[in-house]
Amino acid sequence: MAVTELHGAPSLGPLYASAAVGAVLPGRATTLPDTELVRRGVTVDPGHFADYARVCGFRVGAALPVTYPHLLTFGLQVVLMAGRSFPLPLPGLVHLANRITVHRAIAPSENLDVRVWAERFTAHPKGARVDLVGEVAASGEPVWEGRSTYLARGASAPGDPGGGSGDGDGGDEVAEPSEPAVPTGPASALWRLPGDLGRRYAAVSGDVNPIHLYPLTAKAMGFPRAIAHGMWTAARAVAALEGRLPDAFTYDVVFRKPLLLPSTAELVTARDDDGGWRVAVRGARDAERIHLVGHAGR
């Protein structure tokens, strides 16, 4: 796999704009790029860390929140997906699920190396899916891993829904996580989500996808109004478990119904027999409307 090193954080706004133009042009690749994007010696800005914690509900402490390293990998994901060598157009991709594995607590002062690649370009009942995989290392040791699964509705892909390597050549398979069971019962928190939440999270995450920003830009993409970022919802849910999780654990989430802005939602949490936690975000007025379901634990 070819390695391309980036020497700074990419500016995502121009990438989204160029991806929107490129989405309608012919000549897109039909297999995943055999490319790994890398940034070395990445440091966390304390002010940015504090802003992220404030937007997502974390405390500012001695370790990065479980979801913060996703921001370090997300920019590289967009660089990869915005290119013509990526087989699926970036506009319209739906974030289906996310898995984060934390191997140990990460101090905000550590120098980090970040790498991202794509794999498992396969058929899906509604189109084609692909995984963007990120790894964060410190002193040569992997300390965090993330796997974001995206769907392109109506697209086609080589391979089959069982998974495999990105170009359908039968490489190493990755086990599919089972969808966590939805916890029930009374809510542990009520969230009142303002209309500008998408813009606030975009300011700290760099994710300026127009579906999250304004009602008009969201309507242009088929939504009645702006929707919350899936990774904000995942972050806000796991922030409620701070102090109750070990330093090393896995956090799986599946995204279901879009969470419209503004709106009111409920967080439900439940302890598992194995010591882990199940979480769900549901509509405050409709408990059957599930926006996210997840599990955090070993």
C-alpha atoms as a PDB file:
ATOM      1  CA  MET A   1       0.000   0.000   0.000  1.00  0.00           C
ATOM      2  CA  ALA A   2       1.373   3.403  -0.984  1.00  0.00           C
ATOM      3  CA  VAL A   3       1.870   5.901   1.852  1.00  0.00           C
ATOM      4  CA  THR A   4       1.128   9.595   1.388  1.00  0.00           C
ATOM      5  CA  GLU A   5       2.189  11.903   4.204  1.00  0.00           C
ATOM      6  CA  LEU A   6       0.341  15.127   4.969  1.00  0.00           C
ATOM      7  CA  HIS A   7       2.236  17.842   6.830  1.00  0.00           C
ATOM      8  CA  GLY A   8      -0.738  19.663   8.297  1.00  0.00           C
ATOM      9  CA  ALA A   9      -4.423  19.382   9.005  1.00  0.00           C
ATOM     10  CA  PRO A  10      -6.438  19.496   5.756  1.00  0.00           C
ATOM     11  CA  SER A  11      -8.982  22.263   5.169  1.00  0.00           C
ATOM     12  CA  LEU A  12     -12.241  20.364   4.753  1.00  0.00           C
ATOM     13  CA  GLY A  13     -14.459  23.097   3.296  1.00  0.00           C
ATOM     14  CA  PRO A  14     -12.690  23.178  -0.097  1.00  0.00           C
ATOM     15  CA  LEU A  15     -12.589  19.370  -0.131  1.00  0.00           C
ATOM     16  CA  TYR A  16     -16.371  19.145   0.296  1.00  0.00           C
ATOM     17  CA  ALA A  17     -16.822  21.734  -2.466  1.00  0.00           C
ATOM     18  CA  SER A  18     -14.551  19.914  -4.918  1.00  0.00           C
ATOM     19  CA  ALA A  19     -16.192  16.587  -4.030  1.00  0.00           C
ATOM     20  CA  ALA A  20     -19.617  18.062  -4.844  1.00  0.00           C
ATOM     21  CA  VAL A  21     -18.385  19.111  -8.288  1.00  0.00           C
ATOM     22  CA  GLY A  22     -16.606  15.805  -8.894  1.00  0.00           C
ATOM     23  CA  ALA A  23     -19.667  13.775  -7.922  1.00  0.00           C
ATOM     24  CA  VAL A  24     -21.346  14.543 -11.253  1.00  0.00           C
ATOM     25  CA  LEU A  25     -18.295  13.966 -13.441  1.00  0.00           C
ATOM     26  CA  PRO A  26     -17.565  10.632 -15.167  1.00  0.00           C
ATOM     27  CA  GLY A  27     -14.398   8.638 -14.742  1.00  0.00           C
ATOM     28  CA  ARG A  28     -14.574   7.701 -11.052  1.00  0.00           C
ATOM     29  CA  ALA A  29     -12.467   4.721  -9.933  1.00  0.00           C
ATOM     30  CA  THR A  30     -14.207   1.370  -9.439  1.00  0.00           C
ATOM     31  CA  THR A  31     -11.963   0.018  -6.670  1.00  0.00           C
ATOM     32  CA  LEU A  32     -10.615   1.520  -3.464  1.00  0.00           C
ATOM     33  CA  PRO A  33      -7.364   3.497  -3.622  1.00  0.00           C
ATOM     34  CA  ASP A  34      -4.379   1.452  -2.472  1.00  0.00           C
ATOM     35  CA  THR A  35      -3.263   4.407  -0.377  1.00  0.00           C
ATOM     36  CA  GLU A  36      -2.614   5.093   3.276  1.00  0.00           C
ATOM     37  CA  LEU A  37      -2.674   8.720   4.430  1.00  0.00           C
ATOM     38  CA  VAL A  38      -0.392   9.633   7.337  1.00  0.00           C
ATOM     39  CA  ARG A  39       0.255  12.597   9.619  1.00  0.00           C
ATOM     40  CA  ARG A  40       3.174  12.394  12.045  1.00  0.00           C
ATOM     41  CA  GLY A  41       3.941  14.298  15.223  1.00  0.00           C
ATOM     42  CA  VAL A  42       0.382  15.562  15.680  1.00  0.00           C
ATOM     43  CA  THR A  43      -0.218  17.502  18.891  1.00  0.00           C
ATOM     44  CA  VAL A  44      -3.506  18.480  20.506  1.00  0.00           C
ATOM     45  CA  ASP A  45      -4.178  22.172  20.997  1.00  0.00           C
ATOM     46  CA  PRO A  46      -5.404  22.685  24.605  1.00  0.00           C
ATOM     47  CA  GLY A  47      -7.887  25.349  23.549  1.00  0.00           C
ATOM     48  CA  HIS A  48      -9.353  23.128  20.859  1.00  0.00           C
ATOM     49  CA  PHE A  49      -9.581  20.243  23.316  1.00  0.00           C
ATOM     50  CA  ALA A  50     -11.484  22.489  25.736  1.00  0.00           C
ATOM     51  CA  ASP A  51     -13.845  23.699  22.996  1.00  0.00           C
ATOM     52  CA  TYR A  52     -14.566  20.125  21.908  1.00  0.00           C
ATOM     53  CA  ALA A  53     -15.214  19.043  25.493  1.00  0.00           C
ATOM     54  CA  ARG A  54     -17.609  21.953  25.983  1.00  0.00           C
ATOM     55  CA  VAL A  55     -19.643  21.191  22.841  1.00  0.00           C
ATOM     56  CA  CYS A  56     -19.826  17.450  23.536  1.00  0.00           C
ATOM     57  CA  GLY A  57     -20.305  17.470  27.304  1.00  0.00           C
ATOM     58  CA  PHE A  58     -16.944  16.036  28.426  1.00  0.00           C
ATOM     59  CA  ARG A  59     -14.843  17.228  31.325  1.00  0.00           C
ATOM     60  CA  VAL A  60     -11.404  18.644  30.518  1.00  0.00           C
ATOM     61  CA  GLY A  61      -9.083  16.211  32.264  1.00  0.00           C
ATOM     62  CA  ALA A  62      -5.788  14.373  32.035  1.00  0.00           C
ATOM     63  CA  ALA A  63      -6.879  12.130  29.160  1.00  0.00           C
ATOM     64  CA  LEU A  64      -8.483  12.724  25.776  1.00  0.00           C
ATOM     65  CA  PRO A  65     -12.152  11.708  25.495  1.00  0.00           C
ATOM     66  CA  VAL A  66     -12.687   8.419  23.680  1.00  0.00           C
ATOM     67  CA  THR A  67     -14.148  10.182  20.642  1.00  0.00           C
ATOM     68  CA  TYR A  68     -11.611  13.032  20.346  1.00  0.00           C
ATOM     69  CA  PRO A  69      -9.020  11.101  18.269  1.00  0.00           C
ATOM     70  CA  HIS A  70     -11.738  10.607  15.656  1.00  0.00           C
ATOM     71  CA  LEU A  71     -11.229  14.276  14.785  1.00  0.00           C
ATOM     72  CA  LEU A  72      -7.564  13.558  14.025  1.00  0.00           C
ATOM     73  CA  THR A  73      -8.502  10.783  11.610  1.00  0.00           C
ATOM     74  CA  PHE A  74     -11.600  12.382  10.095  1.00  0.00           C
ATOM     75  CA  GLY A  75      -9.734  14.980   8.058  1.00  0.00           C
ATOM     76  CA  LEU A  76      -7.680  12.243   6.431  1.00  0.00           C
ATOM     77  CA  GLN A  77     -10.866  10.293   5.752  1.00  0.00           C
ATOM     78  CA  VAL A  78     -12.279  13.259   3.854  1.00  0.00           C
ATOM     79  CA  VAL A  79      -9.064  13.696   1.846  1.00  0.00           C
ATOM     80  CA  LEU A  80      -9.300  10.066   0.788  1.00  0.00           C
ATOM     81  CA  MET A  81     -13.045  10.110   0.035  1.00  0.00           C
ATOM     82  CA  ALA A  82     -12.996  13.432  -1.830  1.00  0.00           C
ATOM     83  CA  GLY A  83     -10.493  12.206  -4.425  1.00  0.00           C
ATOM     84  CA  ARG A  84     -11.422  10.839  -7.844  1.00  0.00           C
ATOM     85  CA  SER A  85      -9.583   7.638  -6.948  1.00  0.00           C
ATOM     86  CA  PHE A  86     -12.317   6.867  -4.379  1.00  0.00           C
ATOM     87  CA  PRO A  87     -15.139   4.820  -5.966  1.00  0.00           C
ATOM     88  CA  LEU A  88     -18.062   6.403  -4.060  1.00  0.00           C
ATOM     89  CA  PRO A  89     -18.984  10.109  -4.216  1.00  0.00           C
ATOM     90  CA  LEU A  90     -18.547  11.856  -0.877  1.00  0.00           C
ATOM     91  CA  PRO A  91     -21.830  13.853  -1.097  1.00  0.00           C
ATOM     92  CA  GLY A  92     -24.662  11.646   0.090  1.00  0.00           C
ATOM     93  CA  LEU A  93     -22.561   9.105   1.999  1.00  0.00           C
ATOM     94  CA  VAL A  94     -24.438   7.954   5.118  1.00  0.00           C
ATOM     95  CA  HIS A  95     -22.551   7.156   8.315  1.00  0.00           C
ATOM     96  CA  LEU A  96     -24.013   3.785   9.350  1.00  0.00           C
ATOM     97  CA  ALA A  97     -21.888   2.744  12.310  1.00  0.00           C
ATOM     98  CA  ASN A  98     -18.705   3.455  14.202  1.00  0.00           C
ATOM     99  CA  ARG A  99     -16.387   1.331  16.305  1.00  0.00           C
ATOM    100  CA  ILE A 100     -13.703   2.868  18.531  1.00  0.00           C
ATOM    101  CA  THR A 101     -11.136   0.835  20.432  1.00  0.00           C
ATOM    102  CA  VAL A 102      -9.074   2.614  23.083  1.00  0.00           C
ATOM    103  CA  HIS A 103      -5.969   0.665  24.124  1.00  0.00           C
ATOM    104  CA  ARG A 104      -4.997   3.070  26.906  1.00  0.00           C
ATOM    105  CA  ALA A 105      -5.649   6.577  28.125  1.00  0.00           C
ATOM    106  CA  ILE A 106      -4.083   9.222  25.849  1.00  0.00           C
ATOM    107  CA  ALA A 107      -2.645  12.346  27.439  1.00  0.00           C
ATOM    108  CA  PRO A 108      -3.383  15.602  25.560  1.00  0.00           C
ATOM    109  CA  SER A 109       0.353  16.424  25.628  1.00  0.00           C
ATOM    110  CA  GLU A 110       1.471  13.324  23.683  1.00  0.00           C
ATOM    111  CA  ASN A 111       2.895  13.452  20.155  1.00  0.00           C
ATOM    112  CA  LEU A 112       0.724  11.265  17.961  1.00  0.00           C
ATOM    113  CA  ASP A 113       1.040   9.621  14.565  1.00  0.00           C
ATOM    114  CA  VAL A 114      -2.207   9.232  12.624  1.00  0.00           C
ATOM    115  CA  ARG A 115      -2.926   6.989   9.640  1.00  0.00           C
ATOM    116  CA  VAL A 116      -6.080   6.280   7.633  1.00  0.00           C
ATOM    117  CA  TRP A 117      -6.995   3.853   4.860  1.00  0.00           C
ATOM    118  CA  ALA A 118     -10.132   2.403   3.261  1.00  0.00           C
ATOM    119  CA  GLU A 119     -11.198  -1.229   3.111  1.00  0.00           C
ATOM    120  CA  ARG A 120     -14.214  -3.558   2.797  1.00  0.00           C
ATOM    121  CA  PHE A 121     -15.811  -2.027  -0.289  1.00  0.00           C
ATOM    122  CA  THR A 122     -18.756  -4.409  -0.550  1.00  0.00           C
ATOM    123  CA  ALA A 123     -22.371  -4.692  -1.592  1.00  0.00           C
ATOM    124  CA  HIS A 124     -25.102  -3.662   0.827  1.00  0.00           C
ATOM    125  CA  PRO A 125     -28.877  -4.292   0.508  1.00  0.00           C
ATOM    126  CA  LYS A 126     -29.349  -0.556  -0.086  1.00  0.00           C
ATOM    127  CA  GLY A 127     -26.263   0.061  -2.240  1.00  0.00           C
ATOM    128  CA  ALA A 128     -22.573  -0.158  -1.401  1.00  0.00           C
ATOM    129  CA  ARG A 129     -20.691   0.212   1.853  1.00  0.00           C
ATOM    130  CA  VAL A 130     -17.118   0.951   2.767  1.00  0.00           C
ATOM    131  CA  ASP A 131     -15.054   1.229   5.933  1.00  0.00           C
ATOM    132  CA  LEU A 132     -12.636   4.063   6.651  1.00  0.00           C
ATOM    133  CA  VAL A 133     -10.128   2.866   9.230  1.00  0.00           C
ATOM    134  CA  GLY A 134      -8.012   5.139  11.410  1.00  0.00           C
ATOM    135  CA  GLU A 135      -5.176   4.397  13.793  1.00  0.00           C
ATOM    136  CA  VAL A 136      -3.494   6.709  16.287  1.00  0.00           C
ATOM    137  CA  ALA A 137      -0.102   5.725  17.705  1.00  0.00           C
ATOM    138  CA  ALA A 138       2.210   7.170  20.348  1.00  0.00           C
ATOM    139  CA  SER A 139       5.907   6.267  20.369  1.00  0.00           C
ATOM    140  CA  GLY A 140       5.192   3.595  17.762  1.00  0.00           C
ATOM    141  CA  GLU A 141       2.478   1.956  19.878  1.00  0.00           C
ATOM    142  CA  PRO A 142      -1.155   1.944  18.687  1.00  0.00           C
ATOM    143  CA  VAL A 143      -3.255   3.622  21.362  1.00  0.00           C
ATOM    144  CA  TRP A 144      -6.556   4.197  19.525  1.00  0.00           C
ATOM    145  CA  GLU A 145      -8.362   2.689  16.538  1.00  0.00           C
ATOM    146  CA  GLY A 146     -11.532   3.755  14.777  1.00  0.00           C
ATOM    147  CA  ARG A 147     -13.655   2.181  12.050  1.00  0.00           C
ATOM    148  CA  SER A 148     -16.320   4.295  10.333  1.00  0.00           C
ATOM    149  CA  THR A 149     -18.775   2.441   8.090  1.00  0.00           C
ATOM    150  CA  TYR A 150     -20.443   4.438   5.318  1.00  0.00           C
ATOM    151  CA  LEU A 151     -23.265   3.634   2.893  1.00  0.00           C
ATOM    152  CA  ALA A 152     -23.720   4.978  -0.639  1.00  0.00           C
ATOM    153  CA  ARG A 153     -27.362   4.390  -1.514  1.00  0.00           C
ATOM    154  CA  GLY A 154     -27.959   2.962  -4.972  1.00  0.00           C
ATOM    155  CA  ALA A 155     -24.257   2.390  -5.658  1.00  0.00           C
ATOM    156  CA  SER A 156     -22.705  -0.919  -6.667  1.00  0.00           C
ATOM    157  CA  ALA A 157     -19.575  -2.625  -5.401  1.00  0.00           C
ATOM    158  CA  PRO A 158     -17.531  -5.768  -5.972  1.00  0.00           C
ATOM    159  CA  GLY A 159     -17.679  -8.570  -3.447  1.00  0.00           C
ATOM    160  CA  ASP A 160     -20.643  -9.467  -1.288  1.00  0.00           C
ATOM    161  CA  PRO A 161     -22.144  -8.269   2.014  1.00  0.00           C
ATOM    162  CA  GLY A 162     -19.998 -10.748   3.934  1.00  0.00           C
ATOM    163  CA  GLY A 163     -16.996  -8.430   3.777  1.00  0.00           C
ATOM    164  CA  GLY A 164     -13.434  -8.901   2.655  1.00  0.00           C
ATOM    165  CA  SER A 165     -10.714  -6.683   1.317  1.00  0.00           C
ATOM    166  CA  GLY A 166     -11.464  -3.308  -0.193  1.00  0.00           C
ATOM    167  CA  ASP A 167     -11.016  -4.365  -3.806  1.00  0.00           C
ATOM    168  CA  GLY A 168     -12.935  -7.630  -3.487  1.00  0.00           C
ATOM    169  CA  ASP A 169      -9.839  -9.832  -3.744  1.00  0.00           C
ATOM    170  CA  GLY A 170     -10.683 -11.967  -0.703  1.00  0.00           C
ATOM    171  CA  GLY A 171      -8.285 -10.441   1.808  1.00  0.00           C
ATOM    172  CA  ASP A 172      -8.497 -10.640   5.594  1.00  0.00           C
ATOM    173  CA  GLU A 173     -12.056 -10.394   6.839  1.00  0.00           C
ATOM    174  CA  VAL A 174     -13.061  -8.165   9.743  1.00  0.00           C
ATOM    175  CA  ALA A 175     -15.707  -9.503  12.106  1.00  0.00           C
ATOM    176  CA  GLU A 176     -18.982  -7.639  11.941  1.00  0.00           C
ATOM    177  CA  PRO A 177     -19.988  -6.214  15.346  1.00  0.00           C
ATOM    178  CA  SER A 178     -23.504  -7.193  16.338  1.00  0.00           C
ATOM    179  CA  GLU A 179     -25.867  -4.282  16.846  1.00  0.00           C
ATOM    180  CA  PRO A 180     -26.151  -3.522  20.570  1.00  0.00           C
ATOM    181  CA  ALA A 181     -29.482  -4.199  22.228  1.00  0.00           C
ATOM    182  CA  VAL A 182     -31.536  -1.073  22.820  1.00  0.00           C
ATOM    183  CA  PRO A 183     -31.820  -0.232  26.529  1.00  0.00           C
ATOM    184  CA  THR A 184     -35.307   0.610  27.739  1.00  0.00           C
ATOM    185  CA  GLY A 185     -36.759   2.267  30.764  1.00  0.00           C
ATOM    186  CA  PRO A 186     -36.714   5.830  32.018  1.00  0.00           C
ATOM    187  CA  ALA A 187     -34.351   8.381  30.528  1.00  0.00           C
ATOM    188  CA  SER A 188     -31.159   9.239  32.386  1.00  0.00           C
ATOM    189  CA  ALA A 189     -30.904  12.648  30.702  1.00  0.00           C
ATOM    190  CA  LEU A 190     -32.998  15.011  28.608  1.00  0.00           C
ATOM    191  CA  TRP A 191     -31.196  16.878  25.820  1.00  0.00           C
ATOM    192  CA  ARG A 192     -32.515  20.147  24.406  1.00  0.00           C
ATOM    193  CA  LEU A 193     -30.635  20.552  21.142  1.00  0.00           C
ATOM    194  CA  PRO A 194     -30.435  24.065  19.684  1.00  0.00           C
ATOM    195  CA  GLY A 195     -30.706  24.837  16.001  1.00  0.00           C
ATOM    196  CA  ASP A 196     -27.054  25.922  15.791  1.00  0.00           C
ATOM    197  CA  LEU A 197     -25.647  22.719  17.299  1.00  0.00           C
ATOM    198  CA  GLY A 198     -24.490  21.468  13.893  1.00  0.00           C
ATOM    199  CA  ARG A 199     -22.541  24.671  13.278  1.00  0.00           C
ATOM    200  CA  ARG A 200     -21.008  24.552  16.760  1.00  0.00           C
ATOM    201  CA  TYR A 201     -19.830  20.973  16.299  1.00  0.00           C
ATOM    202  CA  ALA A 202     -18.618  21.733  12.773  1.00  0.00           C
ATOM    203  CA  ALA A 203     -16.456  24.529  14.200  1.00  0.00           C
ATOM    204  CA  VAL A 204     -14.551  22.079  16.419  1.00  0.00           C
ATOM    205  CA  SER A 205     -14.657  18.968  14.215  1.00  0.00           C
ATOM    206  CA  GLY A 206     -14.104  20.455  10.771  1.00  0.00           C
ATOM    207  CA  ASP A 207     -17.073  18.413   9.500  1.00  0.00           C
ATOM    208  CA  VAL A 208     -18.817  21.089   7.429  1.00  0.00           C
ATOM    209  CA  ASN A 209     -21.127  18.724   5.565  1.00  0.00           C
ATOM    210  CA  PRO A 210     -24.060  21.005   4.611  1.00  0.00           C
ATOM    211  CA  ILE A 211     -26.682  18.618   6.000  1.00  0.00           C
ATOM    212  CA  HIS A 212     -25.585  19.695   9.494  1.00  0.00           C
ATOM    213  CA  LEU A 213     -25.352  23.453   9.076  1.00  0.00           C
ATOM    214  CA  TYR A 214     -28.544  25.232   8.018  1.00  0.00           C
ATOM    215  CA  PRO A 215     -32.148  24.285   7.162  1.00  0.00           C
ATOM    216  CA  LEU A 216     -31.728  25.393   3.546  1.00  0.00           C
ATOM    217  CA  THR A 217     -28.532  23.419   2.938  1.00  0.00           C
ATOM    218  CA  ALA A 218     -30.044  20.372   4.629  1.00  0.00           C
ATOM    219  CA  LYS A 219     -33.204  20.630   2.510  1.00  0.00           C
ATOM    220  CA  ALA A 220     -31.050  20.660  -0.614  1.00  0.00           C
ATOM    221  CA  MET A 221     -29.795  17.229   0.500  1.00  0.00           C
ATOM    222  CA  GLY A 222     -33.280  15.859   1.194  1.00  0.00           C
ATOM    223  CA  PHE A 223     -33.719  16.586   4.926  1.00  0.00           C
ATOM    224  CA  PRO A 224     -36.523  18.723   6.396  1.00  0.00           C
ATOM    225  CA  ARG A 225     -33.980  20.707   8.422  1.00  0.00           C
ATOM    226  CA  ALA A 226     -30.399  20.390   9.663  1.00  0.00           C
ATOM    227  CA  ILE A 227     -29.449  17.179  11.466  1.00  0.00           C
ATOM    228  CA  ALA A 228     -26.987  16.615  14.305  1.00  0.00           C
ATOM    229  CA  HIS A 229     -23.645  15.018  13.455  1.00  0.00           C
ATOM    230  CA  GLY A 230     -23.657  11.325  14.254  1.00  0.00           C
ATOM    231  CA  MET A 231     -20.285  11.616  15.976  1.00  0.00           C
ATOM    232  CA  TRP A 232     -21.577  14.454  18.157  1.00  0.00           C
ATOM    233  CA  THR A 233     -24.430  12.185  19.260  1.00  0.00           C
ATOM    234  CA  ALA A 234     -21.964   9.349  19.919  1.00  0.00           C
ATOM    235  CA  ALA A 235     -19.682  11.685  21.869  1.00  0.00           C
ATOM    236  CA  ARG A 236     -22.482  13.198  23.955  1.00  0.00           C
ATOM    237  CA  ALA A 237     -23.796   9.733  24.845  1.00  0.00           C
ATOM    238  CA  VAL A 238     -20.452   8.340  26.000  1.00  0.00           C
ATOM    239  CA  ALA A 239     -19.647  11.570  27.848  1.00  0.00           C
ATOM    240  CA  ALA A 240     -22.450  10.612  30.241  1.00  0.00           C
ATOM    241  CA  LEU A 241     -20.395   7.538  31.207  1.00  0.00           C
ATOM    242  CA  GLU A 242     -17.203   9.427  32.143  1.00  0.00           C
ATOM    243  CA  GLY A 243     -15.624   7.936  35.251  1.00  0.00           C
ATOM    244  CA  ARG A 244     -17.467   4.635  34.800  1.00  0.00           C
ATOM    245  CA  LEU A 245     -15.378   3.144  31.991  1.00  0.00           C
ATOM    246  CA  PRO A 246     -11.891   1.580  32.105  1.00  0.00           C
ATOM    247  CA  ASP A 247      -8.873   3.117  30.372  1.00  0.00           C
ATOM    248  CA  ALA A 248      -9.055   0.427  27.658  1.00  0.00           C
ATOM    249  CA  PHE A 249     -12.412  -0.434  26.085  1.00  0.00           C
ATOM    250  CA  THR A 250     -14.420  -0.578  22.853  1.00  0.00           C
ATOM    251  CA  TYR A 251     -17.265   1.744  21.962  1.00  0.00           C
ATOM    252  CA  ASP A 252     -19.672   0.567  19.248  1.00  0.00           C
ATOM    253  CA  VAL A 253     -22.494   2.718  17.911  1.00  0.00           C
ATOM    254  CA  VAL A 254     -25.094   2.246  15.189  1.00  0.00           C
ATOM    255  CA  PHE A 255     -26.817   5.312  13.771  1.00  0.00           C
ATOM    256  CA  ARG A 256     -30.519   4.980  13.019  1.00  0.00           C
ATOM    257  CA  LYS A 257     -32.943   7.901  12.556  1.00  0.00           C
ATOM    258  CA  PRO A 258     -31.485  11.370  11.875  1.00  0.00           C
ATOM    259  CA  LEU A 259     -31.604  13.690  14.894  1.00  0.00           C
ATOM    260  CA  LEU A 260     -33.194  16.895  13.601  1.00  0.00           C
ATOM    261  CA  LEU A 261     -32.205  20.345  14.869  1.00  0.00           C
ATOM    262  CA  PRO A 262     -33.621  21.902  16.930  1.00  0.00           C
ATOM    263  CA  SER A 263     -35.246  19.083  18.891  1.00  0.00           C
ATOM    264  CA  THR A 264     -35.429  17.347  22.239  1.00  0.00           C
ATOM    265  CA  ALA A 265     -34.014  13.860  22.806  1.00  0.00           C
ATOM    266  CA  GLU A 266     -33.549  11.448  25.676  1.00  0.00           C
ATOM    267  CA  LEU A 267     -30.478   9.456  26.673  1.00  0.00           C
ATOM    268  CA  VAL A 268     -31.061   5.988  28.100  1.00  0.00           C
ATOM    269  CA  THR A 269     -28.270   3.992  29.772  1.00  0.00           C
ATOM    270  CA  ALA A 270     -28.201   0.478  31.227  1.00  0.00           C
ATOM    271  CA  ARG A 271     -25.462  -1.574  32.889  1.00  0.00           C
ATOM    272  CA  ASP A 272     -24.673  -4.965  31.362  1.00  0.00           C
ATOM    273  CA  ASP A 273     -23.858  -8.108  33.323  1.00  0.00           C
ATOM    274  CA  ASP A 274     -20.298  -7.967  31.938  1.00  0.00           C
ATOM    275  CA  GLY A 275     -19.734  -4.507  33.417  1.00  0.00           C
ATOM    276  CA  GLY A 276     -20.217  -2.622  30.147  1.00  0.00           C
ATOM    277  CA  TRP A 277     -22.865  -0.052  29.352  1.00  0.00           C
ATOM    278  CA  ARG A 278     -25.591   0.089  26.724  1.00  0.00           C
ATOM    279  CA  VAL A 279     -26.751   3.492  25.548  1.00  0.00           C
ATOM    280  CA  ALA A 280     -29.507   4.774  23.321  1.00  0.00           C
ATOM    281  CA  VAL A 281     -30.650   8.178  22.151  1.00  0.00           C
ATOM    282  CA  ARG A 282     -34.380   8.326  21.446  1.00  0.00           C
ATOM    283  CA  GLY A 283     -37.033  10.908  20.712  1.00  0.00           C
ATOM    284  CA  ALA A 284     -38.348  12.694  23.788  1.00  0.00           C
ATOM    285  CA  ARG A 285     -41.906  12.511  22.459  1.00  0.00           C
ATOM    286  CA  ASP A 286     -41.577   9.157  20.687  1.00  0.00           C
ATOM    287  CA  ALA A 287     -39.596   6.484  22.532  1.00  0.00           C
ATOM    288  CA  GLU A 288     -39.790   4.229  19.472  1.00  0.00           C
ATOM    289  CA  ARG A 289     -37.799   6.739  17.416  1.00  0.00           C
ATOM    290  CA  ILE A 290     -34.216   5.600  18.015  1.00  0.00           C
ATOM    291  CA  HIS A 291     -31.408   7.866  16.803  1.00  0.00           C
ATOM    292  CA  LEU A 292     -28.434   5.905  18.156  1.00  0.00           C
ATOM    293  CA  VAL A 293     -27.801   2.646  19.942  1.00  0.00           C
ATOM    294  CA  GLY A 294     -24.418   1.743  21.366  1.00  0.00           C
ATOM    295  CA  HIS A 295     -22.325  -0.273  23.779  1.00  0.00           C
ATOM    296  CA  ALA A 296     -19.192   0.690  25.700  1.00  0.00           C
ATOM    297  CA  GLY A 297     -17.095  -1.902  27.498  1.00  0.00           C
ATOM    298  CA  ARG A 298     -14.393  -4.512  27.151  1.00  0.00           C
END
